[in-house]
């Protein structure tokens, strides 16, 4: 599992925020075949926390996928990655 803390400096309200987060979650789910959801800061419009979950028989593979997600999030134009924590179980 990984948790991404995000800054959304271009969001002008909750509607903008939800559009940006929904787009990010859907693209990550499609591209990496992971579960993803907004998990915190629901009513703060320039901040979000998104969790990503990857199931694998190899912790190395799971860590690789989650690292690729971090890079993917970093390259989103309207989203700034503030922190990215990975926890492998």
N, C-alpha and C. Protein backbone atom coordinates (compact mmCIF):
# COMPACT_ATOMS: atom_id res chain seq x y z
N UNK A 1 0.83 -1.17 0.00
CA UNK A 1 0.00 0.00 0.00
C UNK A 1 0.88 1.24 0.00
N UNK A 2 0.38 2.28 -0.61
CA UNK A 2 1.09 3.56 -0.61
C UNK A 2 0.07 4.66 -0.37
N UNK A 3 0.54 5.72 0.24
CA UNK A 3 -0.30 6.90 0.49
C UNK A 3 0.41 8.11 -0.08
N UNK A 4 -0.31 8.84 -0.93
CA UNK A 4 0.23 10.04 -1.55
C UNK A 4 -0.47 11.26 -0.97
N UNK A 5 0.31 12.19 -0.43
CA UNK A 5 -0.21 13.48 0.02
C UNK A 5 -0.03 14.44 -1.15
N UNK A 6 -1.11 15.09 -1.53
CA UNK A 6 -1.10 15.92 -2.74
C UNK A 6 -1.50 17.35 -2.43
N UNK A 7 -0.90 18.27 -3.18
CA UNK A 7 -1.30 19.66 -3.17
C UNK A 7 -1.92 19.94 -4.54
N UNK A 8 -3.02 20.67 -4.53
CA UNK A 8 -3.74 21.00 -5.76
C UNK A 8 -3.84 22.51 -5.88
N UNK A 9 -2.71 23.17 -6.20
CA UNK A 9 -2.70 24.64 -6.19
C UNK A 9 -3.64 25.29 -7.20
N UNK A 10 -3.99 24.59 -8.26
CA UNK A 10 -4.86 25.17 -9.28
C UNK A 10 -6.34 24.97 -9.01
N UNK A 11 -6.68 24.19 -8.00
CA UNK A 11 -8.09 23.93 -7.70
C UNK A 11 -8.74 25.20 -7.16
N UNK A 12 -9.88 25.54 -7.72
CA UNK A 12 -10.58 26.76 -7.30
C UNK A 12 -11.77 26.46 -6.40
N UNK A 13 -11.94 25.19 -6.05
CA UNK A 13 -13.05 24.78 -5.19
C UNK A 13 -13.10 23.27 -5.12
N UNK A 14 -14.06 22.76 -4.37
CA UNK A 14 -14.19 21.31 -4.20
C UNK A 14 -14.50 20.61 -5.52
N UNK A 15 -15.23 21.26 -6.40
CA UNK A 15 -15.56 20.66 -7.69
C UNK A 15 -14.28 20.42 -8.52
N UNK A 16 -13.40 21.42 -8.56
CA UNK A 16 -12.12 21.27 -9.25
C UNK A 16 -11.29 20.15 -8.62
N UNK A 17 -11.23 20.17 -7.29
CA UNK A 17 -10.45 19.16 -6.58
C UNK A 17 -10.95 17.76 -6.92
N UNK A 18 -12.25 17.56 -6.84
CA UNK A 18 -12.82 16.23 -7.10
C UNK A 18 -12.56 15.79 -8.53
N UNK A 19 -12.59 16.72 -9.47
CA UNK A 19 -12.29 16.39 -10.87
C UNK A 19 -10.85 15.92 -11.01
N UNK A 20 -9.92 16.65 -10.40
CA UNK A 20 -8.50 16.30 -10.48
C UNK A 20 -8.22 14.95 -9.81
N UNK A 21 -8.76 14.75 -8.63
CA UNK A 21 -8.51 13.51 -7.88
C UNK A 21 -9.15 12.32 -8.60
N UNK A 22 -10.36 12.50 -9.07
CA UNK A 22 -11.05 11.41 -9.78
C UNK A 22 -10.28 11.01 -11.03
N UNK A 23 -9.80 11.98 -11.77
CA UNK A 23 -9.02 11.70 -12.98
C UNK A 23 -7.74 10.95 -12.64
N UNK A 24 -7.03 11.40 -11.61
CA UNK A 24 -5.79 10.73 -11.19
C UNK A 24 -6.07 9.29 -10.78
N UNK A 25 -7.07 9.09 -9.94
CA UNK A 25 -7.41 7.74 -9.45
C UNK A 25 -7.76 6.82 -10.62
N UNK A 26 -8.60 7.29 -11.54
CA UNK A 26 -9.02 6.45 -12.67
C UNK A 26 -7.85 6.10 -13.58
N UNK A 27 -6.98 7.06 -13.85
CA UNK A 27 -5.82 6.78 -14.72
C UNK A 27 -4.85 5.82 -14.06
N UNK A 28 -4.62 5.98 -12.76
CA UNK A 28 -3.73 5.06 -12.04
C UNK A 28 -4.30 3.65 -12.01
N UNK A 29 -5.60 3.53 -11.75
CA UNK A 29 -6.25 2.22 -11.73
C UNK A 29 -6.12 1.53 -13.08
N UNK A 30 -6.34 2.26 -14.13
CA UNK A 30 -6.28 1.69 -15.48
C UNK A 30 -4.85 1.33 -15.88
N UNK A 31 -3.93 2.23 -15.62
CA UNK A 31 -2.54 2.04 -16.07
C UNK A 31 -1.79 0.98 -15.26
N UNK A 32 -2.01 0.95 -13.94
CA UNK A 32 -1.22 0.07 -13.07
C UNK A 32 -2.02 -1.11 -12.50
N UNK A 33 -3.31 -1.17 -12.78
CA UNK A 33 -4.16 -2.25 -12.26
C UNK A 33 -4.08 -2.34 -10.74
N UNK A 34 -4.30 -1.21 -10.08
CA UNK A 34 -4.27 -1.13 -8.62
C UNK A 34 -5.61 -0.60 -8.13
N UNK A 35 -5.86 -0.77 -6.85
CA UNK A 35 -7.00 -0.12 -6.22
C UNK A 35 -6.53 1.25 -5.75
N UNK A 36 -7.39 2.24 -5.88
CA UNK A 36 -7.00 3.60 -5.48
C UNK A 36 -8.25 4.35 -5.03
N UNK A 37 -8.06 5.21 -4.02
CA UNK A 37 -9.18 6.01 -3.51
C UNK A 37 -8.66 7.20 -2.72
N UNK A 38 -9.44 8.27 -2.71
CA UNK A 38 -9.13 9.41 -1.86
C UNK A 38 -9.44 9.00 -0.42
N UNK A 39 -8.50 9.23 0.48
CA UNK A 39 -8.66 8.74 1.85
C UNK A 39 -8.63 9.82 2.93
N UNK A 40 -8.34 11.05 2.58
CA UNK A 40 -8.27 12.10 3.60
C UNK A 40 -8.40 13.47 2.94
N UNK A 41 -8.65 14.47 3.75
CA UNK A 41 -8.76 15.88 3.33
C UNK A 41 -9.95 16.06 2.36
N UNK A 42 -11.05 15.38 2.60
CA UNK A 42 -12.19 15.39 1.68
C UNK A 42 -12.79 16.77 1.46
N UNK A 43 -12.78 17.62 2.46
CA UNK A 43 -13.42 18.93 2.33
C UNK A 43 -12.42 20.08 2.25
N UNK A 44 -11.16 19.75 2.04
CA UNK A 44 -10.13 20.78 1.85
C UNK A 44 -9.82 20.82 0.36
N UNK A 45 -10.08 21.93 -0.29
CA UNK A 45 -10.05 21.94 -1.75
C UNK A 45 -8.69 22.06 -2.40
N UNK A 46 -7.63 22.38 -1.68
CA UNK A 46 -6.31 22.41 -2.31
C UNK A 46 -5.38 21.34 -1.76
N UNK A 47 -5.97 20.32 -1.15
CA UNK A 47 -5.18 19.25 -0.57
C UNK A 47 -5.95 17.94 -0.70
N UNK A 48 -5.21 16.83 -0.90
CA UNK A 48 -5.85 15.51 -0.99
C UNK A 48 -4.86 14.45 -0.54
N UNK A 49 -5.39 13.33 -0.11
CA UNK A 49 -4.58 12.15 0.18
C UNK A 49 -5.22 10.99 -0.57
N UNK A 50 -4.40 10.28 -1.34
CA UNK A 50 -4.88 9.15 -2.13
C UNK A 50 -4.07 7.93 -1.74
N UNK A 51 -4.77 6.81 -1.52
CA UNK A 51 -4.11 5.55 -1.21
C UNK A 51 -4.17 4.64 -2.43
N UNK A 52 -3.09 3.90 -2.63
CA UNK A 52 -2.99 2.95 -3.73
C UNK A 52 -2.66 1.59 -3.13
N UNK A 53 -3.37 0.55 -3.56
CA UNK A 53 -3.11 -0.80 -3.05
C UNK A 53 -2.79 -1.72 -4.22
N UNK A 54 -1.73 -2.48 -4.03
CA UNK A 54 -1.26 -3.42 -5.05
C UNK A 54 -1.12 -4.79 -4.39
N UNK A 55 -1.68 -5.82 -4.99
CA UNK A 55 -1.54 -7.17 -4.47
C UNK A 55 -0.62 -7.95 -5.39
N UNK A 56 0.38 -8.58 -4.78
CA UNK A 56 1.36 -9.34 -5.56
C UNK A 56 1.94 -10.45 -4.69
N UNK A 57 2.43 -11.49 -5.33
CA UNK A 57 3.10 -12.56 -4.58
C UNK A 57 4.53 -12.19 -4.26
N UNK A 58 5.01 -11.12 -4.86
CA UNK A 58 6.39 -10.67 -4.65
C UNK A 58 6.41 -9.26 -4.08
N UNK A 59 7.04 -9.08 -2.92
CA UNK A 59 7.12 -7.73 -2.35
C UNK A 59 7.96 -6.83 -3.24
N UNK A 60 8.93 -7.39 -3.91
CA UNK A 60 9.77 -6.60 -4.84
C UNK A 60 8.92 -6.04 -5.98
N UNK A 61 8.05 -6.88 -6.54
CA UNK A 61 7.17 -6.44 -7.62
C UNK A 61 6.20 -5.37 -7.14
N UNK A 62 5.61 -5.57 -5.96
CA UNK A 62 4.68 -4.58 -5.41
C UNK A 62 5.39 -3.24 -5.19
N UNK A 63 6.61 -3.29 -4.65
CA UNK A 63 7.37 -2.07 -4.42
C UNK A 63 7.68 -1.37 -5.75
N UNK A 64 7.99 -2.13 -6.78
CA UNK A 64 8.27 -1.56 -8.10
C UNK A 64 7.04 -0.85 -8.66
N UNK A 65 5.87 -1.49 -8.56
CA UNK A 65 4.63 -0.88 -9.06
C UNK A 65 4.33 0.41 -8.30
N UNK A 66 4.46 0.38 -6.98
CA UNK A 66 4.17 1.56 -6.17
C UNK A 66 5.16 2.69 -6.46
N UNK A 67 6.41 2.35 -6.74
CA UNK A 67 7.41 3.36 -7.12
C UNK A 67 7.05 4.00 -8.46
N UNK A 68 6.56 3.19 -9.38
CA UNK A 68 6.13 3.72 -10.68
C UNK A 68 4.93 4.65 -10.51
N UNK A 69 4.05 4.32 -9.58
CA UNK A 69 2.90 5.19 -9.30
C UNK A 69 3.38 6.53 -8.76
N UNK A 70 4.38 6.52 -7.88
CA UNK A 70 4.92 7.78 -7.34
C UNK A 70 5.45 8.65 -8.47
N UNK A 71 6.18 8.05 -9.39
CA UNK A 71 6.71 8.80 -10.53
C UNK A 71 5.57 9.32 -11.41
N UNK A 72 4.57 8.50 -11.63
CA UNK A 72 3.39 8.88 -12.41
C UNK A 72 2.71 10.10 -11.79
N UNK A 73 2.50 10.07 -10.48
CA UNK A 73 1.83 11.18 -9.79
C UNK A 73 2.68 12.44 -9.87
N UNK A 74 3.99 12.31 -9.74
CA UNK A 74 4.89 13.48 -9.82
C UNK A 74 4.79 14.21 -11.15
N UNK A 75 4.43 13.50 -12.20
CA UNK A 75 4.40 14.10 -13.54
C UNK A 75 3.01 14.57 -13.96
N UNK A 76 2.11 14.70 -13.01
CA UNK A 76 0.78 15.23 -13.32
C UNK A 76 0.85 16.75 -13.25
N UNK A 77 0.36 17.40 -14.27
CA UNK A 77 0.51 18.84 -14.40
C UNK A 77 -0.10 19.69 -13.29
N UNK A 78 -1.31 19.39 -12.88
CA UNK A 78 -2.02 20.24 -11.92
C UNK A 78 -1.93 19.73 -10.49
N UNK A 79 -1.16 18.67 -10.29
CA UNK A 79 -1.05 18.03 -8.98
C UNK A 79 0.41 18.04 -8.54
N UNK A 80 0.64 18.42 -7.29
CA UNK A 80 2.00 18.42 -6.73
C UNK A 80 2.06 17.32 -5.67
N UNK A 81 3.01 16.40 -5.85
CA UNK A 81 3.21 15.34 -4.87
C UNK A 81 4.01 15.89 -3.71
N UNK A 82 3.41 15.93 -2.53
CA UNK A 82 4.05 16.47 -1.33
C UNK A 82 4.79 15.38 -0.57
N UNK A 83 4.16 14.19 -0.47
CA UNK A 83 4.76 13.08 0.26
C UNK A 83 4.22 11.78 -0.32
N UNK A 84 5.04 10.73 -0.27
CA UNK A 84 4.62 9.42 -0.77
C UNK A 84 5.21 8.37 0.15
N UNK A 85 4.36 7.66 0.87
CA UNK A 85 4.80 6.65 1.83
C UNK A 85 4.37 5.28 1.33
N UNK A 86 5.30 4.32 1.37
CA UNK A 86 5.01 2.95 0.95
C UNK A 86 5.11 2.04 2.15
N UNK A 87 4.13 1.14 2.26
CA UNK A 87 4.13 0.13 3.32
C UNK A 87 3.87 -1.22 2.67
N UNK A 88 4.84 -2.12 2.76
CA UNK A 88 4.70 -3.46 2.20
C UNK A 88 4.41 -4.42 3.35
N UNK A 89 3.37 -5.23 3.18
CA UNK A 89 3.01 -6.22 4.22
C UNK A 89 3.15 -7.60 3.65
